Amino acid sequence: MTIFPFTEASPVQFQAPLPKTSDVVIVGGGIIGVTAALFLARRNIPVTLLEKGRIAAEQSSRNWGWIRQQGRDADELPIVIEAQRLWRQLAEECGEDIGLTQTGVTYLARTDKEMADFAKFLKVAEAHGVDTRLLDQGETAKLIPAMSRSFKGAMTTPSDMRAEPWVAVPSLARLAARQGVTIIENCAARMLDISAGRISGVWTEKGRIATSNVLVASGAWTSLFLRAHGVSIPQLSVRTTVAATAPMPEIHAGAAADERIAFRRRKDGGYTLAAGGSHLLYVGPDALRHAPKYLPALKANPFGTRYLPAAPRAYPDSWSTPRKWDADKQSPFERMRVLNPVPEPRALHAIDRGFKELFPQFEAVPLRASWAGMIDAMPDVVPVVDRAAAVPGLVIATGMSGHGFGIGPGMGRVLSDLIQGNEAGHNLHRFRLSRFSDGSRILMGPSL
């Protein structure tokens, strides 16, 4: 099979020199960091984006490529509605084909309970003017007639979209660079420089940048980076495996999923496939530390997660990964430039079996590539998007819980205004960091 497009051997595309000062420094070159930088630059604010490896090389390019409103938490939905508008705008402005296409997202239901869960979200969608609707058994069969089995029904949102993640995010980074963002790949942020109780700079492997505002949006690495500065977030990372087929006859133009298999058409004529609801957690120091906060999620989906006793060496929550380091010494972020998990054979087998069972007309599924990614997850399946009260000048955006690609431009715009001290335009109370420490009951987001 073909290897994933991004590895530590990939050429460095963004090599701007390290500036001495920058109004804002962003740690992390995924969809959130890139779009936040872009919107800051459009306000003529000097911004520097630091990426320890390659732009979008981790989860921002390894996701399914869905840009969905469907199944969102009620507080996420207004932001992703804005994100959809921004995706269309940015796709035109970047001048490259990122595969942005409106082909809808559909969830297939086998049980009455699943249909009842869909009906709950339908009320949320209707309140926000989203075109989500429920389908009965016959309508579902008509929507995807190639399926071998019948379903109780489905939920579908025709206005939902898809794009090619490993094409889209680097394209947006090039747009950001053209509009004034200083992007530096292969440059790890080692530590914050904190003076008189607030941020005064960032120590990188190439030197220090003076700044008073830092956004940490570094996905699976965020918790490790922040803990070194006394900021604790209950973030864990779970591994998922994805596969891509060679071009195939079209069975459905959009994206769809049941509890066994998820699939979506790509612009090259193939399909991106994943085993629905399956992921793997490596048990490490953070997993043990934050285990009590994940009990509600475990009760809601006790069989959705499998466990291994230790992560590979140098992973964020590996038992051997240092939790403290000096600013003038190599950090954990330089030891693992690109977090590139090995696809799980068991998951690939489940993908192959699940797709062939649903579409038995394909005697063999022509898998051309496979990869895995580490999803930054939170106990309630919604992100942290907030200022860190303990460190003035620090803003955190993490724990997108597998939802980050589609909502990315909307969150980027929100973060741009949050950093500037402007109104965010959306209610961010749901995403506050303090919800995990102020005695609040953990309210689970939808597991749709």
Protein backbone atom coordinates (compact mmCIF):
# COMPACT_ATOMS: atom_id res chain seq x y z
CA MET A 1 0.00 0.00 0.00
CA THR A 2 1.02 3.62 -0.53
CA ILE A 3 2.46 5.41 2.49
CA PHE A 4 0.82 8.53 3.86
CA PRO A 5 1.73 11.78 2.02
CA PHE A 6 3.41 13.37 5.06
CA THR A 7 6.39 11.96 6.95
CA GLU A 8 9.46 13.41 8.60
CA ALA A 9 11.21 12.95 5.25
CA SER A 10 8.75 15.24 3.44
CA PRO A 11 10.37 18.42 2.07
CA VAL A 12 10.03 21.55 4.20
CA GLN A 13 7.83 24.01 2.31
CA PHE A 14 7.71 26.90 4.78
CA GLN A 15 11.14 28.17 5.86
CA ALA A 16 10.64 31.78 6.92
CA PRO A 17 13.36 33.08 9.23
CA LEU A 18 12.53 33.26 12.93
CA PRO A 19 11.44 36.83 13.76
CA LYS A 20 12.69 38.53 16.91
CA THR A 21 9.17 39.68 17.79
CA SER A 22 5.62 38.84 16.77
CA ASP A 23 2.31 40.15 18.09
CA VAL A 24 0.95 36.60 18.14
CA VAL A 25 2.68 33.20 18.07
CA ILE A 26 0.70 30.09 17.18
CA VAL A 27 1.96 26.67 18.20
CA GLY A 28 0.66 24.02 15.81
CA GLY A 29 0.25 23.94 12.03
CA GLY A 30 -3.05 22.11 11.68
CA ILE A 31 -6.36 23.43 10.38
CA ILE A 32 -7.08 25.41 13.58
CA GLY A 33 -3.69 27.11 13.78
CA VAL A 34 -3.50 27.82 10.05
CA THR A 35 -6.93 29.44 9.82
CA ALA A 36 -6.50 31.40 13.05
CA ALA A 37 -3.26 32.79 11.64
CA LEU A 38 -4.95 33.66 8.36
CA PHE A 39 -7.72 35.67 10.02
CA LEU A 40 -5.26 37.47 12.28
CA ALA A 41 -3.16 38.45 9.27
CA ARG A 42 -6.26 39.88 7.61
CA ARG A 43 -6.46 42.30 10.53
CA ASN A 44 -2.85 43.34 9.82
CA ILE A 45 -1.63 41.64 12.99
CA PRO A 46 1.89 40.20 12.79
CA VAL A 47 1.57 36.47 13.46
CA THR A 48 4.09 33.65 13.47
CA LEU A 49 3.03 30.01 13.14
CA LEU A 50 5.42 27.37 14.46
CA GLU A 51 5.13 23.74 13.34
CA LYS A 52 7.50 21.16 14.80
CA GLY A 53 7.18 18.96 11.72
CA ARG A 54 5.17 19.68 8.57
CA ILE A 55 2.00 21.68 8.08
CA ALA A 56 -1.07 19.43 8.49
CA ALA A 57 1.09 16.32 8.79
CA GLU A 58 -0.81 14.94 11.77
CA GLN A 59 -4.57 14.73 12.38
CA SER A 60 -5.54 17.66 10.16
CA SER A 61 -4.62 15.60 7.10
CA ARG A 62 -5.51 12.15 8.44
CA ASN A 63 -9.21 12.71 9.09
CA TRP A 64 -12.12 11.52 6.96
CA GLY A 65 -12.51 14.82 5.09
CA TRP A 66 -16.10 15.39 6.19
CA ILE A 67 -17.32 18.99 6.56
CA ARG A 68 -20.50 18.29 8.45
CA GLN A 69 -23.13 20.12 10.40
CA GLN A 70 -24.92 16.86 11.06
CA GLY A 71 -24.57 15.35 14.52
CA ARG A 72 -22.83 18.37 16.04
CA ASP A 73 -23.11 19.51 19.61
CA ALA A 74 -25.70 22.30 19.82
CA ASP A 75 -23.00 24.82 20.79
CA GLU A 76 -20.69 23.75 17.98
CA LEU A 77 -23.37 23.95 15.32
CA PRO A 78 -23.44 27.77 14.87
CA ILE A 79 -19.65 27.76 14.45
CA VAL A 80 -19.68 24.98 11.87
CA ILE A 81 -22.45 26.76 9.96
CA GLU A 82 -20.10 29.73 9.74
CA ALA A 83 -17.26 27.36 8.85
CA GLN A 84 -19.19 26.05 5.86
CA ARG A 85 -19.53 29.58 4.49
CA LEU A 86 -15.83 30.19 5.10
CA TRP A 87 -14.82 26.92 3.42
CA ARG A 88 -16.52 28.07 0.21
CA GLN A 89 -14.88 31.48 0.42
CA LEU A 90 -11.40 30.17 1.19
CA ALA A 91 -11.58 27.47 -1.49
CA GLU A 92 -12.02 30.22 -4.06
CA GLU A 93 -9.33 32.45 -2.58
CA CYS A 94 -6.62 29.80 -2.36
CA GLY A 95 -6.87 29.21 -6.09
CA GLU A 96 -6.31 25.45 -5.83
CA ASP A 97 -8.67 22.50 -6.16
CA ILE A 98 -9.07 21.22 -2.61
CA GLY A 99 -11.89 18.86 -3.53
CA LEU A 100 -14.58 20.93 -1.83
CA THR A 101 -17.91 19.45 -2.91
CA GLN A 102 -21.43 19.58 -1.48
CA THR A 103 -22.61 15.96 -1.56
CA GLY A 104 -24.23 15.53 1.85
CA VAL A 105 -23.64 13.39 4.92
CA THR A 106 -25.89 10.45 5.89
CA TYR A 107 -26.07 8.36 9.06
CA LEU A 108 -27.70 4.95 8.68
CA ALA A 109 -29.83 3.48 11.49
CA ARG A 110 -30.41 -0.16 12.31
CA THR A 111 -32.44 0.35 15.48
CA ASP A 112 -35.30 2.42 16.85
CA LYS A 113 -32.91 3.91 19.40
CA GLU A 114 -30.66 5.24 16.65
CA MET A 115 -33.66 6.79 14.94
CA ALA A 116 -34.70 8.36 18.26
CA ASP A 117 -31.21 9.83 18.65
CA PHE A 118 -31.43 11.23 15.13
CA ALA A 119 -34.79 12.79 15.95
CA LYS A 120 -33.21 14.61 18.91
CA PHE A 121 -30.59 16.17 16.68
CA LEU A 122 -33.21 17.05 14.10
CA LYS A 123 -34.73 19.50 16.60
CA VAL A 124 -31.33 21.17 17.05
CA ALA A 125 -30.82 21.36 13.29
CA GLU A 126 -34.26 22.85 12.71
CA ALA A 127 -33.62 25.52 15.35
CA HIS A 128 -30.56 26.64 13.35
CA GLY A 129 -32.09 26.38 9.89
CA VAL A 130 -30.02 23.37 8.83
CA ASP A 131 -31.58 21.15 6.16
CA THR A 132 -31.22 17.87 8.08
CA ARG A 133 -34.08 15.41 7.61
CA LEU A 134 -35.01 11.88 8.62
CA LEU A 135 -35.53 9.15 6.04
CA ASP A 136 -37.65 6.03 6.38
CA GLN A 137 -36.58 2.59 5.22
CA GLY A 138 -37.66 3.09 1.62
CA GLU A 139 -36.15 6.56 1.30
CA THR A 140 -32.85 5.27 2.69
CA ALA A 141 -32.73 2.45 0.17
CA LYS A 142 -33.46 4.91 -2.63
CA LEU A 143 -30.69 7.29 -1.49
CA ILE A 144 -27.98 4.58 -1.63
CA PRO A 145 -29.51 1.80 -3.75
CA ALA A 146 -26.29 -0.20 -4.01
CA MET A 147 -26.44 -1.27 -0.36
CA SER A 148 -27.04 -4.97 0.26
CA ARG A 149 -29.05 -4.60 3.46
CA SER A 150 -32.02 -2.55 4.51
CA PHE A 151 -31.92 -0.05 7.34
CA LYS A 152 -34.57 1.16 9.74
CA GLY A 153 -33.97 4.63 8.33
CA ALA A 154 -31.37 7.37 8.20
CA MET A 155 -30.55 10.98 8.93
CA THR A 156 -29.16 13.06 6.09
CA THR A 157 -27.99 16.65 5.62
CA PRO A 158 -27.74 17.46 1.89
CA SER A 159 -25.86 20.75 2.47
CA ASP A 160 -22.92 19.04 4.18
CA MET A 161 -19.67 18.93 2.24
CA ARG A 162 -16.38 17.12 1.84
CA ALA A 163 -12.81 18.10 0.92
CA GLU A 164 -9.39 16.47 0.65
CA PRO A 165 -7.62 17.14 3.98
CA TRP A 166 -4.00 16.63 2.90
CA VAL A 167 -4.60 18.99 -0.02
CA ALA A 168 -6.82 21.57 1.68
CA VAL A 169 -4.82 22.48 4.78
CA PRO A 170 -1.45 23.02 3.03
CA SER A 171 -3.31 25.05 0.40
CA LEU A 172 -4.77 27.27 3.14
CA ALA A 173 -1.30 27.60 4.65
CA ARG A 174 0.04 28.86 1.34
CA LEU A 175 -2.81 31.39 1.24
CA ALA A 176 -1.95 32.49 4.78
CA ALA A 177 1.72 32.90 3.87
CA ARG A 178 0.80 35.03 0.86
CA GLN A 179 -1.25 37.23 3.16
CA GLY A 180 1.59 37.85 5.58
CA VAL A 181 1.73 34.96 8.05
CA THR A 182 5.24 33.88 8.99
CA ILE A 183 5.18 30.07 8.85
CA ILE A 184 8.14 28.04 10.03
CA GLU A 185 8.14 24.26 9.67
CA ASN A 186 10.64 22.00 11.41
CA CYS A 187 10.71 24.48 14.29
CA ALA A 188 9.39 23.23 17.60
CA ALA A 189 8.14 25.58 20.28
CA ARG A 190 9.92 24.27 23.36
CA MET A 191 8.52 26.43 26.15
CA LEU A 192 6.69 29.62 26.95
CA ASP A 193 8.76 32.45 28.37
CA ILE A 194 6.75 33.76 31.33
CA SER A 195 7.77 36.99 33.08
CA ALA A 196 5.95 38.66 35.95
CA GLY A 197 3.19 36.08 35.67
CA ARG A 198 2.37 36.56 31.98
CA ILE A 199 3.72 35.52 28.60
CA SER A 200 6.67 37.51 27.32
CA GLY A 201 7.90 35.17 24.61
CA VAL A 202 8.27 31.66 23.22
CA TRP A 203 11.46 29.62 23.30
CA THR A 204 11.89 27.61 20.11
CA GLU A 205 14.62 25.27 18.94
CA LYS A 206 15.85 28.14 16.73
CA GLY A 207 15.78 30.81 19.42
CA ARG A 208 13.36 33.09 21.25
CA ILE A 209 10.46 35.13 19.86
CA ALA A 210 9.21 38.01 21.96
CA THR A 211 5.42 38.04 22.13
CA SER A 212 2.59 38.66 24.58
CA ASN A 213 0.01 36.40 22.92
CA VAL A 214 0.28 32.68 22.25
CA LEU A 215 -2.29 30.26 20.83
CA VAL A 216 -1.58 26.60 21.53
CA ALA A 217 -3.42 24.47 18.97
CA SER A 218 -1.10 21.49 18.74
CA GLY A 219 -3.58 18.63 18.76
CA ALA A 220 -2.37 15.49 20.50
CA TRP A 221 0.66 17.37 21.89
CA THR A 222 -1.27 20.19 23.58
CA SER A 223 -1.66 18.57 27.00
CA LEU A 224 2.05 17.70 27.22
CA PHE A 225 3.09 21.25 26.26
CA LEU A 226 0.68 22.92 28.67
CA ARG A 227 1.38 20.66 31.64
CA ALA A 228 5.01 21.83 31.58
CA HIS A 229 3.59 25.29 32.38
CA GLY A 230 1.21 24.21 35.14
CA VAL A 231 -1.92 24.09 32.97
CA SER A 232 -3.75 20.77 33.19
CA ILE A 233 -6.35 19.68 30.66
CA PRO A 234 -7.99 16.21 30.63
CA GLN A 235 -7.06 15.53 27.03
CA LEU A 236 -6.26 12.07 25.73
CA SER A 237 -5.36 10.85 22.26
CA VAL A 238 -6.95 7.85 20.57
CA ARG A 239 -5.69 6.07 17.48
CA THR A 240 -7.91 5.45 14.49
CA THR A 241 -7.12 3.68 11.23
CA VAL A 242 -8.28 4.87 7.81
CA ALA A 243 -7.93 3.40 4.32
CA ALA A 244 -8.28 4.75 0.79
CA THR A 245 -9.36 2.75 -2.22
CA ALA A 246 -8.27 3.08 -5.81
CA PRO A 247 -10.88 4.64 -8.16
CA MET A 248 -14.10 2.61 -8.11
CA PRO A 249 -17.57 2.75 -9.63
CA GLU A 250 -19.66 5.30 -7.76
CA ILE A 251 -21.97 3.82 -5.13
CA HIS A 252 -22.75 7.13 -3.43
CA ALA A 253 -21.47 10.63 -4.13
CA GLY A 254 -21.43 11.77 -0.52
CA ALA A 255 -20.38 10.49 2.90
CA ALA A 256 -22.26 7.90 4.94
CA ALA A 257 -21.78 5.72 7.99
CA ASP A 258 -23.39 3.04 10.11
CA GLU A 259 -21.94 1.48 13.27
CA ARG A 260 -19.60 -0.75 11.24
CA ILE A 261 -18.28 1.27 8.32
CA ALA A 262 -17.90 4.90 7.27
CA PHE A 263 -17.19 5.90 3.67
CA ARG A 264 -17.01 8.98 1.49
CA ARG A 265 -16.28 9.63 -2.15
CA ARG A 266 -12.99 11.39 -3.01
CA LYS A 267 -12.28 13.67 -5.92
CA ASP A 268 -9.95 11.04 -7.47
CA GLY A 269 -12.85 8.59 -7.77
CA GLY A 270 -11.88 6.41 -4.82
CA TYR A 271 -13.40 6.12 -1.36
CA THR A 272 -11.99 6.92 2.06
CA LEU A 273 -13.05 4.18 4.49
CA ALA A 274 -12.98 3.75 8.26
CA ALA A 275 -14.44 1.36 10.79
CA GLY A 276 -17.33 3.24 12.39
CA GLY A 277 -16.91 4.03 16.10
CA SER A 278 -13.68 2.07 16.58
CA HIS A 279 -10.56 3.51 18.21
CA LEU A 280 -7.63 2.51 20.37
CA LEU A 281 -6.30 4.16 23.55
CA TYR A 282 -2.76 3.73 24.79
CA VAL A 283 -2.72 3.77 28.59
CA GLY A 284 -0.16 6.24 29.92
CA PRO A 285 0.27 8.78 32.74
CA ASP A 286 -2.42 11.13 31.42
CA ALA A 287 -4.85 8.26 30.81
CA LEU A 288 -4.56 7.22 34.44
CA ARG A 289 -4.61 10.79 35.74
CA HIS A 290 -7.79 11.73 33.91
CA ALA A 291 -9.60 8.37 33.94
CA PRO A 292 -12.40 9.50 36.33
CA LYS A 293 -13.45 12.29 33.97
CA TYR A 294 -13.91 9.79 31.14
CA LEU A 295 -16.32 7.52 33.03
CA PRO A 296 -19.45 9.12 31.47
CA ALA A 297 -18.03 8.53 27.97
CA LEU A 298 -17.11 4.96 28.90
CA LYS A 299 -20.63 4.26 30.17
CA ALA A 300 -22.18 5.75 27.04
CA ASN A 301 -20.05 3.62 24.70
CA PRO A 302 -18.36 0.82 26.68
CA PHE A 303 -17.22 -1.14 23.62
CA GLY A 304 -16.09 1.73 21.41
CA THR A 305 -12.56 1.89 22.82
CA ARG A 306 -9.91 -0.79 23.08
CA TYR A 307 -6.81 -0.41 25.21
CA LEU A 308 -3.09 -1.14 25.08
CA PRO A 309 -0.89 -0.80 28.16
CA ALA A 310 1.70 1.53 26.65
CA ALA A 311 2.16 3.92 23.76
CA PRO A 312 5.15 3.61 21.43
CA ARG A 313 8.25 5.45 22.49
CA ALA A 314 8.17 9.27 22.12
CA TYR A 315 4.36 9.46 21.77
CA PRO A 316 2.76 12.29 23.80
CA ASP A 317 1.47 9.98 26.56
CA SER A 318 4.21 7.39 26.41
CA TRP A 319 5.55 6.29 29.79
CA SER A 320 9.04 7.26 28.62
CA THR A 321 8.19 10.75 27.30
CA PRO A 322 9.71 13.47 29.53
CA ARG A 323 7.22 15.74 31.30
CA LYS A 324 9.83 18.41 32.06
CA TRP A 325 12.66 19.82 29.95
CA ASP A 326 14.80 22.94 29.65
CA ALA A 327 14.31 25.61 27.01
CA ASP A 328 17.90 25.23 25.81
CA LYS A 329 17.70 21.44 25.44
CA GLN A 330 15.96 19.18 22.95
CA SER A 331 12.27 18.81 23.77
CA PRO A 332 9.88 15.87 23.20
CA PHE A 333 8.46 17.78 20.22
CA GLU A 334 11.73 17.52 18.32
CA ARG A 335 12.05 13.81 19.01
CA MET A 336 8.78 13.14 17.22
CA ARG A 337 8.48 15.58 14.32
CA VAL A 338 5.49 13.82 12.80
CA LEU A 339 3.24 11.57 14.85
CA ASN A 340 2.74 8.84 12.28
CA PRO A 341 1.01 5.81 13.87
CA VAL A 342 1.05 2.46 12.13
CA PRO A 343 -2.35 1.42 10.73
CA GLU A 344 -3.85 -1.36 12.82
CA PRO A 345 -4.22 -4.68 10.90
CA ARG A 346 -7.33 -5.57 12.90
CA ALA A 347 -8.98 -2.28 11.92
CA LEU A 348 -8.01 -2.70 8.26
CA HIS A 349 -9.59 -6.14 8.30
CA ALA A 350 -12.77 -4.68 9.81
CA ILE A 351 -12.81 -1.96 7.14
CA ASP A 352 -12.42 -4.48 4.32
CA ARG A 353 -15.05 -6.81 5.78
CA GLY A 354 -17.54 -4.04 6.61
CA PHE A 355 -17.39 -2.45 3.17
CA LYS A 356 -17.71 -5.76 1.30
CA GLU A 357 -20.66 -6.82 3.48
CA LEU A 358 -22.49 -3.59 2.67
CA PHE A 359 -21.50 -3.67 -1.01
CA PRO A 360 -20.99 -7.35 -1.92
CA GLN A 361 -20.91 -6.51 -5.63
CA PHE A 362 -17.24 -5.71 -5.01
CA GLU A 363 -15.55 -9.09 -4.63
CA ALA A 364 -12.39 -7.31 -3.55
CA VAL A 365 -11.92 -3.82 -2.11
CA PRO A 366 -8.95 -2.23 -3.91
CA LEU A 367 -7.27 -0.62 -0.89
CA ARG A 368 -4.52 1.62 -2.23
CA ALA A 369 -3.34 3.32 0.96
CA SER A 370 -3.85 3.14 4.70
CA TRP A 371 -2.82 5.31 7.61
CA ALA A 372 -3.59 6.04 11.24
CA GLY A 373 -3.92 9.22 13.25
CA MET A 374 -4.11 10.31 16.87
CA ILE A 375 -7.33 12.19 17.66
CA ASP A 376 -7.15 14.73 20.49
CA ALA A 377 -10.20 13.89 22.61
CA MET A 378 -11.97 15.43 25.59
CA PRO A 379 -14.18 13.67 28.16
CA ASP A 380 -17.38 15.31 26.87
CA VAL A 381 -16.46 15.13 23.14
CA VAL A 382 -16.37 18.92 22.73
CA PRO A 383 -13.20 21.06 22.58
CA VAL A 384 -11.51 23.51 24.88
CA VAL A 385 -11.47 26.97 23.30
CA ASP A 386 -10.57 29.46 25.99
CA ARG A 387 -8.08 31.79 27.58
CA ALA A 388 -5.92 30.18 30.27
CA ALA A 389 -6.66 32.17 33.41
CA ALA A 390 -3.45 30.98 35.07
CA VAL A 391 -1.23 32.29 32.26
CA PRO A 392 -2.30 35.71 30.91
CA GLY A 393 -1.73 35.91 27.18
CA LEU A 394 -2.27 32.18 26.59
CA VAL A 395 -5.19 30.91 24.49
CA ILE A 396 -5.94 27.19 24.10
CA ALA A 397 -7.75 25.44 21.24
CA THR A 398 -7.65 21.67 21.50
CA GLY A 399 -9.67 18.51 22.01
CA MET A 400 -11.59 18.84 18.75
CA SER A 401 -12.42 15.15 19.28
CA GLY A 402 -12.36 14.25 15.60
CA HIS A 403 -14.50 17.25 14.62
CA GLY A 404 -11.73 19.74 13.86
CA PHE A 405 -11.37 19.61 10.09
CA GLY A 406 -14.91 20.60 9.19
CA ILE A 407 -15.25 23.28 11.86
CA GLY A 408 -11.67 24.53 11.38
CA PRO A 409 -12.20 27.83 9.54
CA GLY A 410 -15.02 28.79 11.90
CA MET A 411 -12.88 28.08 14.95
CA GLY A 412 -9.98 29.91 13.34
CA ARG A 413 -12.08 33.04 12.91
CA VAL A 414 -13.40 32.75 16.50
CA LEU A 415 -9.87 32.38 17.88
CA SER A 416 -8.64 35.35 15.89
CA ASP A 417 -11.21 37.56 17.61
CA LEU A 418 -10.67 35.94 21.00
CA ILE A 419 -6.96 36.71 20.80
CA GLN A 420 -7.71 40.31 19.82
CA GLY A 421 -10.12 40.77 22.71
CA ASN A 422 -13.11 41.14 20.36
CA GLU A 423 -16.51 39.54 20.68
CA ALA A 424 -16.27 35.96 19.41
CA GLY A 425 -19.68 36.09 17.75
CA HIS A 426 -20.70 32.78 19.36
CA ASN A 427 -21.33 31.59 22.90
CA LEU A 428 -18.14 29.82 24.00
CA HIS A 429 -19.27 28.95 27.55
CA ARG A 430 -19.58 25.27 26.63
CA PHE A 431 -15.91 25.20 25.64
CA ARG A 432 -14.44 26.82 28.76
CA LEU A 433 -11.45 25.11 30.37
CA SER A 434 -12.84 25.56 33.89
CA ARG A 435 -15.71 23.11 33.27
CA PHE A 436 -13.36 20.32 34.31
CA SER A 437 -12.33 21.92 37.60
CA ASP A 438 -15.24 24.06 38.85
CA GLY A 439 -17.47 21.18 39.93
CA SER A 440 -19.61 21.26 36.79
CA ARG A 441 -21.25 18.00 35.76
CA ILE A 442 -19.74 16.63 32.57
CA LEU A 443 -22.37 16.99 29.84
CA MET A 444 -21.71 14.60 26.98
CA GLY A 445 -21.77 15.93 23.47
CA PRO A 446 -23.50 13.81 20.83
CA SER A 447 -21.77 10.60 19.84
CA LEU A 448 -23.30 10.84 16.37
